[in-house]
């Protein structure tokens, strides 16, 4: 996932945010400037004795994506998604009966 700042053209690439959130918890959000989720994550980790540290990584990608879009950054398209498109699979019965009509 890549985001570009429209004011100065700076590009930030976000990779494996779930893993980094699992390792560093709320500090990973604070590093990206998402103070609210960073502090909430740290407080929840303290209150739940660290259990939330294992739950928050599942939501990390969406939290970071929403935060950058809310700040006005543009999400850049993934070049691999646009270059490599999987073939559309058609079941054998549709291929067979298409020629029989």
Protein backbone atom coordinates (compact mmCIF):
# COMPACT_ATOMS: atom_id res chain seq x y z
CA UNK A 1 0.00 0.00 0.00
CA UNK A 2 1.45 3.36 -1.01
CA UNK A 3 0.25 6.84 -0.19
CA UNK A 4 1.37 10.14 -1.71
CA UNK A 5 1.20 13.53 -0.08
CA UNK A 6 -0.46 15.84 -2.63
CA UNK A 7 1.33 18.94 -1.32
CA UNK A 8 4.94 17.81 -1.68
CA UNK A 9 4.78 14.46 -3.52
CA UNK A 10 6.27 12.47 -0.64
CA UNK A 11 5.45 8.74 -0.89
CA UNK A 12 4.99 6.44 2.10
CA UNK A 13 4.90 2.68 1.60
CA UNK A 14 3.08 0.58 4.18
CA UNK A 15 4.02 -3.11 4.23
CA UNK A 16 2.99 -5.80 6.70
CA UNK A 17 1.35 -3.42 9.14
CA UNK A 18 -0.22 -6.32 11.04
CA UNK A 19 3.19 -7.81 11.78
CA UNK A 20 4.67 -4.48 12.88
CA UNK A 21 1.65 -3.79 15.09
CA UNK A 22 2.02 -7.23 16.66
CA UNK A 23 5.70 -6.54 17.40
CA UNK A 24 5.54 -2.89 18.48
CA UNK A 25 1.86 -2.36 19.33
CA UNK A 26 0.69 1.20 19.63
CA UNK A 27 4.16 2.59 19.01
CA UNK A 28 3.80 1.62 15.34
CA UNK A 29 0.71 3.84 15.05
CA UNK A 30 2.49 6.68 16.83
CA UNK A 31 5.39 6.35 14.37
CA UNK A 32 2.93 6.95 11.51
CA UNK A 33 1.38 9.93 13.29
CA UNK A 34 -1.84 8.19 14.32
CA UNK A 35 -1.78 9.31 17.93
CA UNK A 36 -5.36 8.39 18.84
CA UNK A 37 -5.06 4.72 17.90
CA UNK A 38 -1.55 4.58 19.30
CA UNK A 39 -2.63 5.77 22.71
CA UNK A 40 -5.83 3.68 22.67
CA UNK A 41 -3.78 0.61 21.78
CA UNK A 42 -1.31 1.22 24.60
CA UNK A 43 -4.05 1.85 27.17
CA UNK A 44 -5.97 -1.26 26.07
CA UNK A 45 -2.78 -3.32 26.27
CA UNK A 46 -2.30 -2.13 29.84
CA UNK A 47 -5.93 -2.71 30.84
CA UNK A 48 -6.26 -6.15 29.18
CA UNK A 49 -2.80 -7.33 30.30
CA UNK A 50 -1.58 -7.41 26.70
CA UNK A 51 -4.43 -9.42 25.16
CA UNK A 52 -5.42 -6.52 22.90
CA UNK A 53 -1.85 -6.55 21.55
CA UNK A 54 -2.84 -9.74 19.69
CA UNK A 55 -6.20 -8.39 18.44
CA UNK A 56 -5.20 -4.94 17.16
CA UNK A 57 -2.97 -6.23 14.28
CA UNK A 58 -6.05 -7.55 12.46
CA UNK A 59 -7.32 -3.97 12.12
CA UNK A 60 -3.98 -2.21 11.61
CA UNK A 61 -4.09 -2.00 7.81
CA UNK A 62 -7.55 -0.45 7.76
CA UNK A 63 -6.69 1.95 10.58
CA UNK A 64 -3.57 3.19 8.80
CA UNK A 65 -5.29 3.39 5.41
CA UNK A 66 -8.21 5.40 6.83
CA UNK A 67 -5.87 7.72 8.73
CA UNK A 68 -3.81 8.59 5.66
CA UNK A 69 -6.92 9.12 3.53
CA UNK A 70 -8.45 11.31 6.25
CA UNK A 71 -5.28 13.44 6.23
CA UNK A 72 -5.79 14.03 2.50
CA UNK A 73 -3.12 11.69 1.14
CA UNK A 74 -3.76 9.90 -2.16
CA UNK A 75 -3.59 6.12 -2.32
CA UNK A 76 -1.44 4.99 -5.22
CA UNK A 77 -2.55 1.93 -7.20
CA UNK A 78 -0.65 -1.29 -6.70
CA UNK A 79 1.39 -1.98 -9.88
CA UNK A 80 1.09 -5.74 -9.45
CA UNK A 81 -2.70 -5.55 -9.35
CA UNK A 82 -2.84 -3.69 -12.64
CA UNK A 83 -0.22 -5.78 -14.47
CA UNK A 84 -1.14 -9.30 -13.44
CA UNK A 85 -4.81 -10.11 -13.75
CA UNK A 86 -5.92 -13.67 -13.10
CA UNK A 87 -7.83 -15.49 -15.80
CA UNK A 88 -11.52 -15.72 -15.29
CA UNK A 89 -12.41 -19.29 -14.51
CA UNK A 90 -15.44 -20.79 -16.20
CA UNK A 91 -16.69 -24.18 -15.07
CA UNK A 92 -16.56 -27.08 -17.51
CA UNK A 93 -20.35 -27.29 -17.85
CA UNK A 94 -20.60 -23.67 -18.99
CA UNK A 95 -17.88 -24.23 -21.58
CA UNK A 96 -19.54 -27.44 -22.74
CA UNK A 97 -23.10 -26.15 -22.99
CA UNK A 98 -22.07 -22.84 -24.55
CA UNK A 99 -21.06 -24.69 -27.70
CA UNK A 100 -24.20 -26.87 -27.68
CA UNK A 101 -26.69 -24.02 -27.91
